[in-house]
N, C-alpha and C. Protein backbone atom coordinates (compact mmCIF):
# COMPACT_ATOMS: atom_id res chain seq x y z
N UNK A 1 6.63 64.50 130.08
CA UNK A 1 6.59 65.65 130.96
C UNK A 1 7.97 65.82 131.57
N UNK A 2 8.40 67.06 131.63
CA UNK A 2 9.73 67.32 132.17
C UNK A 2 9.75 67.20 133.68
N UNK A 3 10.94 67.20 134.24
CA UNK A 3 11.08 67.10 135.70
C UNK A 3 10.44 68.28 136.41
N UNK A 4 10.65 69.48 135.88
CA UNK A 4 10.09 70.67 136.52
C UNK A 4 8.58 70.63 136.53
N UNK A 5 7.98 70.32 135.39
CA UNK A 5 6.53 70.25 135.29
C UNK A 5 5.98 69.14 136.18
N UNK A 6 6.63 68.01 136.18
CA UNK A 6 6.19 66.90 137.03
C UNK A 6 6.26 67.24 138.51
N UNK A 7 7.30 67.95 138.90
CA UNK A 7 7.46 68.36 140.30
C UNK A 7 6.36 69.33 140.69
N UNK A 8 6.10 70.30 139.84
CA UNK A 8 5.05 71.29 140.13
C UNK A 8 3.71 70.59 140.26
N UNK A 9 3.40 69.68 139.36
CA UNK A 9 2.13 68.97 139.40
C UNK A 9 2.03 68.08 140.64
N UNK A 10 3.12 67.45 141.04
CA UNK A 10 3.07 66.58 142.22
C UNK A 10 2.88 67.38 143.51
N UNK A 11 3.34 68.62 143.54
CA UNK A 11 3.19 69.47 144.72
C UNK A 11 1.85 70.20 144.75
N UNK A 12 1.14 70.16 143.63
CA UNK A 12 -0.12 70.88 143.52
C UNK A 12 -1.18 70.32 144.44
N UNK A 13 -2.06 71.18 144.91
CA UNK A 13 -3.17 70.78 145.76
C UNK A 13 -4.42 70.44 144.94
N UNK A 14 -4.30 70.48 143.62
CA UNK A 14 -5.44 70.18 142.74
C UNK A 14 -5.87 68.73 142.91
N UNK A 15 -7.18 68.49 142.81
CA UNK A 15 -7.71 67.12 142.93
C UNK A 15 -7.18 66.23 141.82
N UNK A 16 -7.17 66.75 140.61
CA UNK A 16 -6.74 65.97 139.45
C UNK A 16 -5.52 66.66 138.85
N UNK A 17 -4.34 66.22 139.21
CA UNK A 17 -3.11 66.90 138.78
C UNK A 17 -2.54 66.33 137.48
N UNK A 18 -3.34 65.57 136.75
CA UNK A 18 -2.85 65.06 135.48
C UNK A 18 -3.12 66.06 134.36
N UNK A 19 -2.38 65.92 133.28
CA UNK A 19 -2.52 66.84 132.16
C UNK A 19 -3.65 66.37 131.26
N UNK A 20 -4.36 67.30 130.67
CA UNK A 20 -5.43 67.00 129.72
C UNK A 20 -4.80 66.35 128.48
N UNK A 21 -5.40 65.27 128.01
CA UNK A 21 -4.86 64.61 126.82
C UNK A 21 -5.37 65.31 125.56
N UNK A 22 -4.70 65.05 124.46
CA UNK A 22 -5.08 65.65 123.19
C UNK A 22 -6.49 65.21 122.79
N UNK A 23 -6.82 63.95 122.99
CA UNK A 23 -8.16 63.48 122.61
C UNK A 23 -9.23 64.13 123.48
N UNK A 24 -8.96 64.31 124.77
CA UNK A 24 -9.92 65.01 125.64
C UNK A 24 -10.12 66.45 125.17
N UNK A 25 -9.04 67.09 124.78
CA UNK A 25 -9.10 68.47 124.33
C UNK A 25 -9.89 68.58 123.04
N UNK A 26 -9.64 67.68 122.10
CA UNK A 26 -10.32 67.74 120.81
C UNK A 26 -11.79 67.35 120.90
N UNK A 27 -12.16 66.52 121.86
CA UNK A 27 -13.53 66.05 121.98
C UNK A 27 -14.36 66.84 123.00
N UNK A 28 -13.82 67.94 123.49
CA UNK A 28 -14.56 68.73 124.48
C UNK A 28 -15.68 69.50 123.79
N UNK A 29 -16.67 69.91 124.58
CA UNK A 29 -17.74 70.75 124.05
C UNK A 29 -17.16 72.11 123.72
N UNK A 30 -17.68 72.73 122.68
CA UNK A 30 -17.11 74.01 122.22
C UNK A 30 -17.22 75.11 123.26
N UNK A 31 -18.17 75.01 124.17
CA UNK A 31 -18.34 76.06 125.17
C UNK A 31 -17.47 75.84 126.41
N UNK A 32 -16.76 74.72 126.48
CA UNK A 32 -15.96 74.42 127.66
C UNK A 32 -14.52 74.86 127.48
N UNK A 33 -14.04 75.68 128.41
CA UNK A 33 -12.64 76.10 128.39
C UNK A 33 -11.81 75.02 129.07
N UNK A 34 -10.73 74.64 128.43
CA UNK A 34 -9.88 73.59 128.97
C UNK A 34 -8.43 74.01 128.75
N UNK A 35 -7.72 74.22 129.83
CA UNK A 35 -6.32 74.62 129.75
C UNK A 35 -5.45 73.44 130.18
N UNK A 36 -4.73 72.83 129.26
CA UNK A 36 -3.89 71.69 129.61
C UNK A 36 -2.75 72.04 130.56
N UNK A 37 -2.43 73.31 130.67
CA UNK A 37 -1.37 73.75 131.56
C UNK A 37 -1.92 74.60 132.70
N UNK A 38 -3.16 74.40 133.01
CA UNK A 38 -3.83 75.18 134.05
C UNK A 38 -3.21 75.03 135.42
N UNK A 39 -2.76 73.83 135.74
CA UNK A 39 -2.15 73.61 137.06
C UNK A 39 -0.88 74.42 137.19
N UNK A 40 -0.04 74.40 136.16
CA UNK A 40 1.19 75.18 136.19
C UNK A 40 0.88 76.67 136.30
N UNK A 41 -0.14 77.12 135.59
CA UNK A 41 -0.53 78.54 135.66
C UNK A 41 -0.99 78.91 137.06
N UNK A 42 -1.87 78.08 137.65
CA UNK A 42 -2.36 78.37 139.01
C UNK A 42 -1.24 78.38 140.02
N UNK A 43 -0.33 77.41 139.91
CA UNK A 43 0.78 77.35 140.86
C UNK A 43 1.71 78.54 140.73
N UNK A 44 1.90 79.05 139.51
CA UNK A 44 2.76 80.23 139.35
C UNK A 44 2.10 81.45 139.98
N UNK A 45 0.77 81.58 139.84
CA UNK A 45 0.06 82.69 140.50
C UNK A 45 0.13 82.56 142.02
N UNK A 46 -0.02 81.35 142.52
CA UNK A 46 0.09 81.14 143.97
C UNK A 46 1.47 81.52 144.48
N UNK A 47 2.49 81.16 143.70
CA UNK A 47 3.86 81.50 144.08
C UNK A 47 4.04 83.01 144.14
N UNK A 48 3.50 83.70 143.16
CA UNK A 48 3.59 85.16 143.17
C UNK A 48 2.89 85.74 144.39
N UNK A 49 1.72 85.21 144.72
CA UNK A 49 1.00 85.69 145.91
C UNK A 49 1.81 85.46 147.18
N UNK A 50 2.40 84.27 147.30
CA UNK A 50 3.18 83.93 148.50
C UNK A 50 4.43 84.81 148.65
N UNK A 51 5.00 85.20 147.52
CA UNK A 51 6.29 85.90 147.53
C UNK A 51 6.17 87.39 147.21
N UNK A 52 5.00 87.96 147.47
CA UNK A 52 4.78 89.39 147.27
C UNK A 52 5.15 89.84 145.86
N UNK A 53 4.81 89.02 144.90
CA UNK A 53 5.00 89.29 143.47
C UNK A 53 6.46 89.50 143.08
N UNK A 54 7.36 88.82 143.77
CA UNK A 54 8.78 88.81 143.41
C UNK A 54 8.98 87.71 142.36
N UNK A 55 9.08 88.11 141.11
CA UNK A 55 9.16 87.15 140.00
C UNK A 55 10.40 86.27 140.07
N UNK A 56 11.47 86.78 140.62
CA UNK A 56 12.71 86.01 140.71
C UNK A 56 12.52 84.74 141.55
N UNK A 57 11.69 84.80 142.56
CA UNK A 57 11.47 83.65 143.43
C UNK A 57 10.57 82.59 142.80
N UNK A 58 9.92 82.93 141.70
CA UNK A 58 8.97 82.00 141.07
C UNK A 58 9.44 81.51 139.71
N UNK A 59 10.71 81.65 139.43
CA UNK A 59 11.21 81.29 138.09
C UNK A 59 11.01 79.81 137.77
N UNK A 60 11.08 78.93 138.76
CA UNK A 60 10.85 77.50 138.51
C UNK A 60 9.42 77.25 138.06
N UNK A 61 8.47 77.98 138.64
CA UNK A 61 7.07 77.84 138.26
C UNK A 61 6.84 78.35 136.84
N UNK A 62 7.47 79.47 136.51
CA UNK A 62 7.34 80.00 135.16
C UNK A 62 7.96 79.05 134.14
N UNK A 63 9.09 78.46 134.50
CA UNK A 63 9.75 77.50 133.60
C UNK A 63 8.86 76.28 133.38
N UNK A 64 8.22 75.81 134.42
CA UNK A 64 7.33 74.66 134.30
C UNK A 64 6.16 74.99 133.37
N UNK A 65 5.61 76.18 133.50
CA UNK A 65 4.50 76.60 132.63
C UNK A 65 4.96 76.68 131.17
N UNK A 66 6.12 77.29 130.94
CA UNK A 66 6.65 77.39 129.57
C UNK A 66 6.88 76.01 128.98
N UNK A 67 7.47 75.10 129.77
CA UNK A 67 7.73 73.74 129.28
C UNK A 67 6.43 73.03 128.93
N UNK A 68 5.42 73.19 129.78
CA UNK A 68 4.13 72.57 129.53
C UNK A 68 3.53 73.11 128.23
N UNK A 69 3.54 74.42 128.07
CA UNK A 69 2.98 75.02 126.85
C UNK A 69 3.74 74.56 125.61
N UNK A 70 5.05 74.48 125.70
CA UNK A 70 5.84 74.03 124.56
C UNK A 70 5.51 72.59 124.19
N UNK A 71 5.37 71.73 125.22
CA UNK A 71 5.00 70.34 124.95
C UNK A 71 3.62 70.27 124.32
N UNK A 72 2.69 71.06 124.83
CA UNK A 72 1.32 71.03 124.33
C UNK A 72 1.25 71.50 122.88
N UNK A 73 1.94 72.59 122.56
CA UNK A 73 1.94 73.10 121.20
C UNK A 73 2.59 72.09 120.25
N UNK A 74 3.67 71.47 120.68
CA UNK A 74 4.34 70.46 119.85
C UNK A 74 3.43 69.26 119.62
N UNK A 75 2.71 68.85 120.65
CA UNK A 75 1.79 67.72 120.52
C UNK A 75 0.65 68.05 119.55
N UNK A 76 0.09 69.22 119.66
CA UNK A 76 -0.99 69.64 118.77
C UNK A 76 -0.50 69.77 117.33
N UNK A 77 0.71 70.34 117.17
CA UNK A 77 1.28 70.50 115.84
C UNK A 77 1.51 69.13 115.19
N UNK A 78 2.06 68.21 115.95
CA UNK A 78 2.32 66.86 115.44
C UNK A 78 1.01 66.18 115.01
N UNK A 79 -0.02 66.30 115.82
CA UNK A 79 -1.32 65.70 115.48
C UNK A 79 -1.91 66.35 114.23
N UNK A 80 -1.79 67.66 114.14
CA UNK A 80 -2.34 68.38 112.98
C UNK A 80 -1.62 67.98 111.71
N UNK A 81 -0.31 67.86 111.77
CA UNK A 81 0.47 67.49 110.59
C UNK A 81 0.23 66.05 110.15
N UNK A 82 -0.07 65.19 111.11
CA UNK A 82 -0.33 63.80 110.76
C UNK A 82 -1.78 63.56 110.37
N UNK A 83 -2.60 64.62 110.44
CA UNK A 83 -4.00 64.51 110.03
C UNK A 83 -4.91 63.94 111.08
N UNK A 84 -4.47 63.89 112.34
CA UNK A 84 -5.28 63.34 113.42
C UNK A 84 -6.02 64.40 114.21
N UNK A 85 -6.10 65.60 113.69
CA UNK A 85 -6.73 66.69 114.42
C UNK A 85 -7.89 67.24 113.62
N UNK A 86 -8.80 67.93 114.34
CA UNK A 86 -9.97 68.54 113.68
C UNK A 86 -9.58 69.71 112.84
């Protein structure tokens, strides 16, 4: 996890600020929505609310979300290529 993503997660008010693991994601029930970057997404929306939707003031939150998504996609791609994915 990058510094930006780690900082955002540590400042989050969420009860469980850890990231969903690949095995948790793959073994979830099909009807359950699970966003591994949900904390970063929520925090970016909160930042927008606090700053009257001034996107320039929330660029660190957006960067953390992008970094999280990039890590997640890379992790899923690596698992799929190695044959460890459904």
